[in-house]
Protein backbone atom coordinates (compact mmCIF):
# COMPACT_ATOMS: atom_id res chain seq x y z
CA MET A 1 -4.13 15.82 134.20
CA THR A 2 -4.91 15.36 137.86
CA ASP A 3 -6.88 17.58 140.18
CA LEU A 4 -5.41 19.32 143.21
CA PRO A 5 -5.28 16.85 146.11
CA PRO A 6 -8.50 17.42 148.10
CA ALA A 7 -6.67 17.34 151.43
CA GLU A 8 -4.69 20.55 150.79
CA LYS A 9 -5.72 23.40 153.05
CA PRO A 10 -6.44 26.87 151.61
CA SER A 11 -3.74 28.34 153.87
CA THR A 12 -1.06 26.00 152.52
CA ALA A 13 -2.26 26.49 148.95
CA LEU A 14 -2.06 30.26 149.38
CA THR A 15 1.55 30.10 150.55
CA ARG A 16 2.45 27.85 147.62
CA SER A 17 0.75 30.30 145.27
CA VAL A 18 2.81 33.23 146.58
CA GLY A 19 5.99 31.40 145.63
CA GLY A 20 4.65 30.05 142.35
CA LYS A 21 7.12 30.08 139.47
CA ASP A 22 4.65 31.49 136.96
CA LEU A 23 2.34 33.47 139.25
CA ARG A 24 1.72 36.35 136.82
CA SER A 25 0.83 34.18 133.84
CA GLY A 26 -0.96 31.72 136.09
CA LEU A 27 -3.25 34.46 137.41
CA ALA A 28 -4.13 35.54 133.89
CA ILE A 29 -4.97 31.97 132.89
CA ALA A 30 -6.85 31.20 136.10
CA ILE A 31 -8.93 34.39 135.91
CA ASP A 32 -9.81 33.65 132.30
CA ALA A 33 -10.76 30.09 133.29
CA GLY A 34 -13.12 31.46 135.93
CA THR A 35 -14.88 28.58 137.67
CA ASP A 36 -12.61 25.83 136.33
CA ALA A 37 -10.84 24.79 139.54
CA THR A 38 -8.57 22.32 137.76
CA VAL A 39 -7.23 24.95 135.35
CA ALA A 40 -6.71 27.40 138.22
CA ALA A 41 -4.83 24.83 140.26
CA LEU A 42 -2.60 23.57 137.48
CA HIS A 43 -1.36 26.93 136.29
CA GLY A 44 0.65 28.03 139.30
CA VAL A 45 -2.16 29.34 141.53
CA PRO A 46 -3.27 26.35 143.62
CA VAL A 47 -5.24 28.43 146.14
CA LEU A 48 -7.66 29.51 143.40
CA GLY A 49 -8.26 25.87 142.62
CA VAL A 50 -9.14 25.29 146.27
CA LEU A 51 -11.48 28.27 146.40
CA THR A 52 -13.28 27.61 143.13
CA GLY A 53 -13.63 23.95 144.01
CA ALA A 54 -15.21 24.80 147.35
CA VAL A 55 -18.50 25.88 145.80
CA ARG A 56 -19.39 24.56 142.34
CA GLY A 57 -19.70 27.40 139.86
CA LEU A 58 -19.01 29.96 142.62
CA GLN A 59 -22.75 30.25 143.27
CA ASP A 60 -22.02 31.33 146.83
CA VAL A 61 -21.53 35.12 146.96
CA ARG A 62 -19.15 34.93 149.93
CA LYS A 63 -16.95 32.42 148.11
CA TRP A 64 -16.96 34.56 144.98
CA LEU A 65 -15.80 37.58 147.01
CA GLU A 66 -13.14 35.45 148.69
CA PHE A 67 -11.95 34.38 145.24
CA ARG A 68 -11.75 37.98 143.97
CA LYS A 69 -9.95 39.21 147.09
CA THR A 70 -7.38 36.44 146.74
CA VAL A 71 -6.82 37.23 143.06
CA ASN A 72 -6.30 40.92 143.82
CA PHE A 73 -3.93 40.11 146.69
CA LEU A 74 -1.84 37.80 144.52
CA GLU A 75 -1.69 40.42 141.75
CA GLY A 76 -0.08 42.73 144.29
CA VAL A 77 2.30 40.04 145.53
CA ALA A 78 3.33 39.30 141.94
CA GLU A 79 5.10 42.68 141.85
CA ALA A 80 7.91 41.00 143.83
CA SER A 81 10.44 39.11 141.76
CA GLU A 82 9.93 35.41 141.11
CA GLU A 83 13.26 34.59 142.78
CA LYS A 84 12.44 36.53 145.96
CA ARG A 85 8.95 35.02 146.20
CA ALA A 86 10.31 31.50 145.80
CA ALA A 87 12.99 32.10 148.44
CA PHE A 88 10.40 33.60 150.80
CA THR A 89 8.03 30.64 150.66
CA GLU A 90 10.91 28.16 150.83
CA LYS A 91 12.06 29.80 154.06
CA LEU A 92 8.52 29.61 155.45
CA GLN A 93 8.48 25.90 154.69
CA GLU A 94 11.88 25.36 156.33
CA ASP A 95 10.75 27.22 159.46
CA GLY A 96 7.43 25.38 159.64
CA LYS A 97 5.50 28.64 159.21
CA ALA A 98 3.93 28.14 155.78
CA GLU A 99 0.49 27.22 157.09
CA ALA A 100 0.47 29.98 159.73
CA PHE A 101 1.42 32.58 157.13
CA GLY A 102 -1.37 31.44 154.82
CA GLU A 103 -3.89 31.46 157.66
CA ASN A 104 -2.91 34.99 158.73
CA VAL A 105 -3.29 36.31 155.19
CA LEU A 106 -6.66 34.59 154.67
CA LEU A 107 -7.96 36.00 157.96
CA LEU A 108 -6.78 39.45 156.93
CA LEU A 109 -8.39 39.21 153.49
CA ASP A 110 -11.66 38.03 155.02
CA ARG A 111 -11.92 41.23 157.07
CA LEU A 112 -11.39 43.61 154.15
CA ASP A 113 -14.40 45.71 153.16
CA ASP A 114 -13.28 47.03 149.77
CA MET A 115 -11.87 45.31 146.70
CA ALA A 116 -9.08 47.90 146.36
CA LYS A 117 -7.54 46.82 149.66
CA PRO A 118 -6.39 43.27 148.78
CA ARG A 119 -4.09 44.57 146.02
CA ILE A 120 -2.65 47.19 148.39
CA ILE A 121 -1.98 44.50 150.97
CA GLY A 122 -0.44 42.32 148.27
CA ARG A 123 1.92 45.14 147.33
CA LEU A 124 2.90 45.58 150.98
CA MET A 125 3.65 41.87 151.21
CA ALA A 126 5.69 42.16 148.00
CA ALA A 127 7.68 44.98 149.65
CA HIS A 128 8.35 42.68 152.62
CA ILE A 129 9.40 39.86 150.31
CA GLU A 130 11.77 42.26 148.51
CA GLY A 131 13.31 43.25 151.86
CA HIS A 132 11.97 46.81 152.11
CA MET A 133 10.28 46.20 155.49
CA ASP A 134 10.20 43.44 158.08
CA TYR A 135 7.26 41.09 158.57
CA ASP A 136 5.86 42.80 161.68
CA THR A 137 5.89 46.20 160.00
CA ALA A 138 4.18 44.79 156.91
CA MET A 139 1.46 43.10 158.97
CA ARG A 140 0.87 46.20 161.10
CA LEU A 141 0.50 48.24 157.92
CA CYS A 142 -1.92 45.67 156.52
CA ALA A 143 -4.00 45.92 159.70
CA MET A 144 -4.06 49.72 159.37
CA VAL A 145 -5.21 49.47 155.76
CA SER A 146 -7.93 47.08 156.90
CA ARG A 147 -9.23 49.62 159.45
CA ALA A 148 -9.14 52.63 157.11
CA TYR A 149 -11.86 53.72 154.69
CA ALA A 150 -10.49 52.76 151.28
CA SER A 151 -11.15 56.09 149.55
CA ASP A 152 -9.35 57.96 152.36
CA LEU A 153 -6.06 56.22 151.59
CA ALA A 154 -5.53 58.33 148.44
CA PHE A 155 -5.44 61.40 150.71
CA LEU A 156 -1.99 60.28 151.86
CA LYS A 157 -0.52 60.79 148.39
CA THR A 158 -0.99 64.58 148.53
CA PHE A 159 -0.89 65.03 152.31
CA LYS A 160 1.02 68.03 153.69
CA SER A 161 1.69 68.59 157.38
CA GLY A 162 -0.41 71.14 159.28
CA ALA A 163 -4.08 71.96 159.62
CA GLN A 164 -6.13 70.15 156.99
CA GLY A 165 -9.09 72.47 156.44
CA ASP A 166 -11.84 70.60 154.60
CA GLY A 167 -9.72 67.45 154.74
CA ALA A 168 -9.73 67.39 158.55
CA PRO A 169 -12.33 64.59 158.85
CA VAL A 170 -10.31 62.36 156.51
CA ALA A 171 -7.09 63.16 158.37
CA ALA A 172 -8.79 62.30 161.67
CA MET A 173 -9.88 58.91 160.32
CA LEU A 174 -6.40 58.17 158.98
CA ALA A 175 -4.88 59.16 162.33
CA ALA A 176 -7.31 56.80 164.09
CA SER A 177 -6.10 54.04 161.77
CA GLY A 178 -2.46 54.80 162.64
CA LEU A 179 -1.45 56.28 159.27
CA LEU A 180 -1.10 59.92 160.41
CA GLN A 181 -0.34 61.53 163.75
CA GLN A 182 -1.85 64.52 165.57
CA THR A 183 0.74 67.09 166.65
CA GLY A 184 -1.30 69.85 168.28
CA VAL A 185 -3.95 72.49 167.61
CA ASP A 186 -3.80 75.69 165.58
CA GLY A 187 -6.12 78.38 166.95
CA GLY A 188 -6.48 79.92 163.50
CA LEU A 189 -7.33 83.49 162.61
CA GLU A 190 -10.35 85.31 164.02
CA THR A 191 -11.08 86.70 160.57
CA GLU A 192 -11.08 83.27 158.92
CA GLU A 193 -13.68 80.94 160.31
CA ALA A 194 -12.32 77.84 158.54
CA SER A 195 -8.67 78.42 159.48
CA GLY A 196 -6.82 76.52 162.19
CA GLY A 197 -7.86 73.23 163.69
CA MET A 198 -6.05 70.04 164.61
CA LEU A 199 -2.53 69.74 163.23
CA TYR A 200 -1.46 66.54 161.55
CA ASP A 201 1.89 65.16 160.47
CA GLY A 202 2.96 62.11 158.52
CA ASN A 203 4.41 59.07 160.23
CA ALA A 204 6.59 56.15 159.18
CA TYR A 205 3.65 53.86 158.47
CA GLY A 206 1.84 56.32 156.24
CA LYS A 207 5.04 57.03 154.29
CA LEU A 208 5.71 53.32 153.78
CA LEU A 209 2.14 52.83 152.57
CA VAL A 210 2.48 55.60 150.00
CA GLN A 211 5.85 54.32 148.82
CA TYR A 212 5.02 50.63 148.52
CA GLY A 213 1.26 50.13 148.70
CA LEU A 214 -0.55 52.90 146.86
């Protein structure tokens, strides 16, 4: 067996991993192998070989977090079919955009502040690969997820339009991230101190996130 060529960039390796023939099984093997970069690289997930090889034994905390974020992202991406993933990365190669795509994803993953987010972003990318949304929409959604507080995202699953009562602070944060929209103010009832408040409604981005990311 031979190691991954040392000249390969993480961005290129990530794109190759997205289109890997055996991504699901490769992730399972690579995760079980842990710090063995050669095993990770040779089982369909070359980017994990690059990351684990960057710091021997993953002693560096930042590299370990980068490794875990990438694993979680790829687990989300793996929800797209093997055929669609292969076609997607092949098209990136033909268009000369494989490296740029990998760089954009790595930059996005680096900014994430919660380990739940990479899998959500992976699922959104899988939805793009499957043709459910275009690239710009997927990347805008990913940026919104990056800005939001991770625990607030679950609020979208049960969200109903109108004043949000005790959930108003969460709704305000989601609106600031672009996942809800403010539609006005309800003056409430004089006899009910907690009634009324800012009115919120769902938007296209929040609905796509619930459908494909959460």
